[in-house]
Amino acid sequence: MPSDIEGDVMAYALVEVSKPGDWTDFHAIRRVELFESKGRIGVYNDRHPDDYADFAHPFLLKLDERALGTTRLDLFGDGRAAVRLVAITASEQGRGHGRVMEHLVSVRAREFGVETLLVNAAAEAVGFYEKTGWQPFDWDPTELVSIAASCIQMRKLL
């Protein structure tokens, strides 16, 4: 990880979502940043079963107890996991929070025994992922439907 972030990581917390208030923040960030800001009004499902499945680990990135970002780590059970629905609140984008979250999710994935991370990256996020060690990699074309239809599949070896 770049040294300019390393010292700052200690101020952050990657919290596995379990408390009602954290679920509220988790869904609010995703609803606004991944759906409503892209014109997808009224379609976000805060009761989607994948968020609550045994394989899913939803996370909030917090700084000083303030929720800034979300992601979900889906474990495949074979040394691979998918990073899903990554979002940083619009007012906090471009400040390095995404790099911190990416680092902390990678650390957490290693703790779960993950060797390969996978993502369906939005086209505008590919540069970010490449800068943090990800490479284009076609891993499952059946994933590229619905909101992921125009995504670029990538992987990161841990």
C-alpha atoms as a PDB file:
ATOM      1  CA  MET A   1       0.000   0.000   0.000  1.00  0.00           C
ATOM      2  CA  PRO A   2       1.311   3.493  -0.732  1.00  0.00           C
ATOM      3  CA  SER A   3       3.081   5.028   2.258  1.00  0.00           C
ATOM      4  CA  ASP A   4       0.952   8.200   2.137  1.00  0.00           C
ATOM      5  CA  ILE A   5      -2.072   6.169   3.271  1.00  0.00           C
ATOM      6  CA  GLU A   6      -0.355   3.707   5.582  1.00  0.00           C
ATOM      7  CA  GLY A   7      -0.219   6.011   8.611  1.00  0.00           C
ATOM      8  CA  ASP A   8      -3.797   7.142   8.105  1.00  0.00           C
ATOM      9  CA  VAL A   9      -5.285   3.639   8.018  1.00  0.00           C
ATOM     10  CA  MET A  10      -5.273   3.456  11.798  1.00  0.00           C
ATOM     11  CA  ALA A  11      -7.921   6.218  11.960  1.00  0.00           C
ATOM     12  CA  TYR A  12     -10.339   4.111   9.890  1.00  0.00           C
ATOM     13  CA  ALA A  13     -12.502   1.143  10.792  1.00  0.00           C
ATOM     14  CA  LEU A  14     -13.883  -1.456   8.408  1.00  0.00           C
ATOM     15  CA  VAL A  15     -16.974  -2.563  10.305  1.00  0.00           C
ATOM     16  CA  GLU A  16     -18.880  -5.727   9.447  1.00  0.00           C
ATOM     17  CA  VAL A  17     -22.478  -4.559   9.299  1.00  0.00           C
ATOM     18  CA  SER A  18     -24.660  -6.061  12.014  1.00  0.00           C
ATOM     19  CA  LYS A  19     -26.209  -3.215  14.054  1.00  0.00           C
ATOM     20  CA  PRO A  20     -29.435  -1.542  12.886  1.00  0.00           C
ATOM     21  CA  GLY A  21     -27.779   1.886  12.544  1.00  0.00           C
ATOM     22  CA  ASP A  22     -24.966   0.411  10.475  1.00  0.00           C
ATOM     23  CA  TRP A  23     -27.493  -1.307   8.186  1.00  0.00           C
ATOM     24  CA  THR A  24     -29.249   2.048   7.740  1.00  0.00           C
ATOM     25  CA  ASP A  25     -25.970   3.761   6.764  1.00  0.00           C
ATOM     26  CA  PHE A  26     -24.947   0.844   4.548  1.00  0.00           C
ATOM     27  CA  HIS A  27     -28.163   0.920   2.541  1.00  0.00           C
ATOM     28  CA  ALA A  28     -28.361   4.718   2.392  1.00  0.00           C
ATOM     29  CA  ILE A  29     -24.878   5.040   0.871  1.00  0.00           C
ATOM     30  CA  ARG A  30     -25.486   2.295  -1.678  1.00  0.00           C
ATOM     31  CA  ARG A  31     -28.977   3.549  -2.577  1.00  0.00           C
ATOM     32  CA  VAL A  32     -27.739   7.095  -3.246  1.00  0.00           C
ATOM     33  CA  GLU A  33     -24.325   6.444  -4.816  1.00  0.00           C
ATOM     34  CA  LEU A  34     -24.969   3.300  -6.843  1.00  0.00           C
ATOM     35  CA  PHE A  35     -28.601   3.708  -7.795  1.00  0.00           C
ATOM     36  CA  GLU A  36     -30.200   7.134  -7.420  1.00  0.00           C
ATOM     37  CA  SER A  37     -27.155   9.117  -8.609  1.00  0.00           C
ATOM     38  CA  LYS A  38     -27.272   7.017 -11.783  1.00  0.00           C
ATOM     39  CA  GLY A  39     -30.992   7.609 -12.357  1.00  0.00           C
ATOM     40  CA  ARG A  40     -32.097   4.261 -10.918  1.00  0.00           C
ATOM     41  CA  ILE A  41     -34.823   5.659  -8.682  1.00  0.00           C
ATOM     42  CA  GLY A  42     -37.016   3.365  -6.616  1.00  0.00           C
ATOM     43  CA  VAL A  43     -35.256   0.130  -7.581  1.00  0.00           C
ATOM     44  CA  TYR A  44     -32.798  -0.360  -4.711  1.00  0.00           C
ATOM     45  CA  ASN A  45     -33.752  -3.305  -2.520  1.00  0.00           C
ATOM     46  CA  ASP A  46     -32.531  -2.951   1.067  1.00  0.00           C
ATOM     47  CA  ARG A  47     -33.839  -6.457   1.760  1.00  0.00           C
ATOM     48  CA  HIS A  48     -31.967  -8.205  -1.038  1.00  0.00           C
ATOM     49  CA  PRO A  49     -31.265 -11.751   0.211  1.00  0.00           C
ATOM     50  CA  ASP A  50     -27.629 -11.675  -0.959  1.00  0.00           C
ATOM     51  CA  ASP A  51     -26.813  -9.010   1.641  1.00  0.00           C
ATOM     52  CA  TYR A  52     -27.899 -11.390   4.402  1.00  0.00           C
ATOM     53  CA  ALA A  53     -26.622 -14.712   3.010  1.00  0.00           C
ATOM     54  CA  ASP A  54     -24.049 -16.822   4.861  1.00  0.00           C
ATOM     55  CA  PHE A  55     -21.428 -16.181   2.153  1.00  0.00           C
ATOM     56  CA  ALA A  56     -21.857 -12.394   2.340  1.00  0.00           C
ATOM     57  CA  HIS A  57     -19.894 -10.036   4.559  1.00  0.00           C
ATOM     58  CA  PRO A  58     -21.222  -6.470   4.235  1.00  0.00           C
ATOM     59  CA  PHE A  59     -18.861  -3.729   5.417  1.00  0.00           C
ATOM     60  CA  LEU A  60     -18.972  -0.038   6.224  1.00  0.00           C
ATOM     61  CA  LEU A  61     -15.860   2.095   6.055  1.00  0.00           C
ATOM     62  CA  LYS A  62     -15.917   4.511   8.974  1.00  0.00           C
ATOM     63  CA  LEU A  63     -13.698   7.416   9.904  1.00  0.00           C
ATOM     64  CA  ASP A  64     -14.246   8.804  13.386  1.00  0.00           C
ATOM     65  CA  GLU A  65     -17.472   6.753  13.614  1.00  0.00           C
ATOM     66  CA  ARG A  66     -18.828   8.422  10.457  1.00  0.00           C
ATOM     67  CA  ALA A  67     -19.841   6.060   7.629  1.00  0.00           C
ATOM     68  CA  LEU A  68     -18.045   6.978   4.383  1.00  0.00           C
ATOM     69  CA  GLY A  69     -18.258   3.885   2.226  1.00  0.00           C
ATOM     70  CA  THR A  70     -19.635   0.424   1.701  1.00  0.00           C
ATOM     71  CA  THR A  71     -18.727  -2.857   0.125  1.00  0.00           C
ATOM     72  CA  ARG A  72     -19.657  -6.494   0.460  1.00  0.00           C
ATOM     73  CA  LEU A  73     -17.235  -9.411   0.362  1.00  0.00           C
ATOM     74  CA  ASP A  74     -18.834 -12.586  -1.003  1.00  0.00           C
ATOM     75  CA  LEU A  75     -16.821 -15.710  -0.176  1.00  0.00           C
ATOM     76  CA  PHE A  76     -16.900 -18.470  -2.785  1.00  0.00           C
ATOM     77  CA  GLY A  77     -15.238 -21.048  -0.503  1.00  0.00           C
ATOM     78  CA  ASP A  78     -12.465 -21.947  -2.943  1.00  0.00           C
ATOM     79  CA  GLY A  79      -9.903 -19.266  -2.116  1.00  0.00           C
ATOM     80  CA  ARG A  80     -11.813 -16.679  -4.160  1.00  0.00           C
ATOM     81  CA  ALA A  81     -14.145 -13.874  -3.142  1.00  0.00           C
ATOM     82  CA  ALA A  82     -16.014 -11.126  -4.960  1.00  0.00           C
ATOM     83  CA  VAL A  83     -15.993  -7.515  -3.875  1.00  0.00           C
ATOM     84  CA  ARG A  84     -19.488  -6.164  -4.494  1.00  0.00           C
ATOM     85  CA  LEU A  85     -21.263  -2.811  -4.689  1.00  0.00           C
ATOM     86  CA  VAL A  86     -18.336  -0.591  -3.704  1.00  0.00           C
ATOM     87  CA  ALA A  87     -19.346   2.982  -2.900  1.00  0.00           C
ATOM     88  CA  ILE A  88     -17.877   6.061  -1.240  1.00  0.00           C
ATOM     89  CA  THR A  89     -20.230   8.938  -0.433  1.00  0.00           C
ATOM     90  CA  ALA A  90     -20.017  11.609  -3.149  1.00  0.00           C
ATOM     91  CA  SER A  91     -18.881  14.336  -0.753  1.00  0.00           C
ATOM     92  CA  GLU A  92     -15.911  12.168   0.307  1.00  0.00           C
ATOM     93  CA  GLN A  93     -14.792  10.866  -3.095  1.00  0.00           C
ATOM     94  CA  GLY A  94     -11.303  11.720  -4.308  1.00  0.00           C
ATOM     95  CA  ARG A  95      -9.819  11.931  -0.801  1.00  0.00           C
ATOM     96  CA  GLY A  96      -8.171   8.505  -0.597  1.00  0.00           C
ATOM     97  CA  HIS A  97     -10.951   6.744   1.313  1.00  0.00           C
ATOM     98  CA  GLY A  98     -11.473   4.246  -1.508  1.00  0.00           C
ATOM     99  CA  ARG A  99      -7.807   3.225  -1.413  1.00  0.00           C
ATOM    100  CA  VAL A 100      -8.031   2.738   2.345  1.00  0.00           C
ATOM    101  CA  MET A 101     -11.201   0.670   2.014  1.00  0.00           C
ATOM    102  CA  GLU A 102      -9.658  -1.425  -0.774  1.00  0.00           C
ATOM    103  CA  HIS A 103      -6.637  -2.116   1.451  1.00  0.00           C
ATOM    104  CA  LEU A 104      -8.746  -2.998   4.502  1.00  0.00           C
ATOM    105  CA  VAL A 105     -11.013  -5.299   2.471  1.00  0.00           C
ATOM    106  CA  SER A 106      -7.924  -7.065   1.099  1.00  0.00           C
ATOM    107  CA  VAL A 107      -6.624  -7.550   4.642  1.00  0.00           C
ATOM    108  CA  ARG A 108      -9.980  -8.910   5.780  1.00  0.00           C
ATOM    109  CA  ALA A 109     -10.171 -11.216   2.745  1.00  0.00           C
ATOM    110  CA  ARG A 110      -6.757 -12.684   3.601  1.00  0.00           C
ATOM    111  CA  GLU A 111      -8.044 -13.359   7.129  1.00  0.00           C
ATOM    112  CA  PHE A 112     -10.842 -15.424   5.531  1.00  0.00           C
ATOM    113  CA  GLY A 113      -8.242 -17.406   3.538  1.00  0.00           C
ATOM    114  CA  VAL A 114      -8.952 -15.657   0.243  1.00  0.00           C
ATOM    115  CA  GLU A 115      -6.143 -15.757  -2.328  1.00  0.00           C
ATOM    116  CA  THR A 116      -7.962 -14.096  -5.244  1.00  0.00           C
ATOM    117  CA  LEU A 117     -10.345 -11.153  -5.168  1.00  0.00           C
ATOM    118  CA  LEU A 118     -12.755 -10.570  -8.050  1.00  0.00           C
ATOM    119  CA  VAL A 119     -14.805  -7.522  -8.952  1.00  0.00           C
ATOM    120  CA  ASN A 120     -17.215  -6.296 -11.588  1.00  0.00           C
ATOM    121  CA  ALA A 121     -15.786  -2.783 -11.925  1.00  0.00           C
ATOM    122  CA  ALA A 122     -17.752   0.119 -13.315  1.00  0.00           C
ATOM    123  CA  ALA A 123     -15.952   1.440 -16.394  1.00  0.00           C
ATOM    124  CA  GLU A 124     -15.169   4.738 -14.634  1.00  0.00           C
ATOM    125  CA  ALA A 125     -13.548   2.833 -11.727  1.00  0.00           C
ATOM    126  CA  VAL A 126     -11.160   0.646 -13.757  1.00  0.00           C
ATOM    127  CA  GLY A 127      -8.295   3.156 -13.379  1.00  0.00           C
ATOM    128  CA  PHE A 128      -8.716   3.143  -9.604  1.00  0.00           C
ATOM    129  CA  TYR A 129      -8.604  -0.641  -9.499  1.00  0.00           C
ATOM    130  CA  GLU A 130      -5.544  -0.819 -11.738  1.00  0.00           C
ATOM    131  CA  LYS A 131      -3.714   1.639  -9.458  1.00  0.00           C
ATOM    132  CA  THR A 132      -4.442  -0.625  -6.481  1.00  0.00           C
ATOM    133  CA  GLY A 133      -3.140  -3.831  -8.054  1.00  0.00           C
ATOM    134  CA  TRP A 134      -6.124  -5.209  -9.950  1.00  0.00           C
ATOM    135  CA  GLN A 135      -5.949  -6.524 -13.519  1.00  0.00           C
ATOM    136  CA  PRO A 136      -8.662  -7.104 -16.135  1.00  0.00           C
ATOM    137  CA  PHE A 137      -9.695 -10.748 -15.951  1.00  0.00           C
ATOM    138  CA  ASP A 138     -12.831 -12.408 -17.312  1.00  0.00           C
ATOM    139  CA  TRP A 139     -14.008 -14.555 -14.432  1.00  0.00           C
ATOM    140  CA  ASP A 140     -17.729 -15.135 -14.977  1.00  0.00           C
ATOM    141  CA  PRO A 141     -19.616 -13.577 -17.889  1.00  0.00           C
ATOM    142  CA  THR A 142     -22.959 -14.622 -16.351  1.00  0.00           C
ATOM    143  CA  GLU A 143     -22.317 -11.953 -13.676  1.00  0.00           C
ATOM    144  CA  LEU A 144     -22.565  -9.164 -16.249  1.00  0.00           C
ATOM    145  CA  VAL A 145     -26.303  -8.528 -16.005  1.00  0.00           C
ATOM    146  CA  SER A 146     -28.561  -5.873 -14.516  1.00  0.00           C
ATOM    147  CA  ILE A 147     -26.504  -3.038 -12.977  1.00  0.00           C
ATOM    148  CA  ALA A 148     -23.278  -4.940 -13.769  1.00  0.00           C
ATOM    149  CA  ALA A 149     -24.053  -5.291 -17.494  1.00  0.00           C
ATOM    150  CA  SER A 150     -21.446  -2.725 -18.582  1.00  0.00           C
ATOM    151  CA  CYS A 151     -18.843  -3.612 -15.956  1.00  0.00           C
ATOM    152  CA  ILE A 152     -15.290  -4.797 -16.547  1.00  0.00           C
ATOM    153  CA  GLN A 153     -14.332  -7.950 -14.697  1.00  0.00           C
ATOM    154  CA  MET A 154     -11.059  -7.781 -12.774  1.00  0.00           C
ATOM    155  CA  ARG A 155      -9.043  -9.745 -10.251  1.00  0.00           C
ATOM    156  CA  LYS A 156      -6.398  -9.129  -7.632  1.00  0.00           C
ATOM    157  CA  LEU A 157      -4.094 -11.849  -6.350  1.00  0.00           C
ATOM    158  CA  LEU A 158      -3.474 -11.543  -2.633  1.00  0.00           C
END
